[in-house]
Amino acid sequence: MRIKSAGSICFSAVLFLFMGVFSAMGVAGPAPIELHFQPEETVLGDVIPFFWDGIYHIFYLRGSGWGHISSKDLVHWEELPNAIESGQEADAPDRENCWTGSIVEHGGVFHLFYTGKNSRDPKGDQKVMHATSHDLITWTKRHEDTFYADGSIYWNKSINGPIDDKLIYHHQAFRDPEVFWSDTTGDWRLLLHAALADGSAPAIALYSSDDLTHWKPEQPLLVLPKTSSGDCPHLFEMNDRWYL
């Protein structure tokens, strides 16, 4: 199983993010160019590129859900229906927002992993949620696959109790899932921003799975300084070396 990636899309992704930052800050950015796509009446952030069957897909944070556009040439873009929206029920794990994540394909099914946010969720403000699709357009949330920080290796406020609110990771940090297949270990790996169970430091958390459904906590890939934040981790291999 290979990781489906979109290496040549990086330049485009940078443009999306660059313009989104200007928009979010209320600052007049560079004049739009034909290469650039900007959604109307919303802020664009956290692009998630995915290449499949000759089509470039860009998923992005749009309001409280994920927007979606596609292109065959990285110039002309088609705006597609939002991939996912935040839950409507007051107790939905993603009631407040659907934050960033990643997409992989396995056995003809696309798997979207994202951060569900609901500060009123007694099990945890942030958690990993899962949706699937057969066409990259219509997605079905699999609520039964939702999982929270385990409280043994990674901190969960509802299990381990609060930590010093002067630390930048004092909130329920368990977000930004990055999923990929590892030929080295022969299973799926998931990275995300978390904190150690004793609250002593933030970390790049590591989970493993054989089926993209049941996830086992592993020792952290990297423990970070207290003044750091491990948002949006990305791991890739190039010339027999791994880069984070």
Foldseek 3Di string as FASTA:
>chain_A
DAWFDDVVCVVVVVVLAVVLVCVVVVHDDDDDDQLDDDDPPWRWHDWEWGDDPQKIKIWTFTQQFIWIWIDNPSRDIDTAPTADHADCDLQGQQNRHWAAEYWGDDPQKIKTKTWRADLPHLFFRIWIWIWIDNPSHYIDTDRVLIDAPPLQFFATCNNLNFDPPVFPQRHQFWGHWYWGADPVVRWIKIWGWTAGSNRPFIFTWIWTDHPVRDIHTDHTPGTDPSNDTDHNDDWDDDPNDIDD
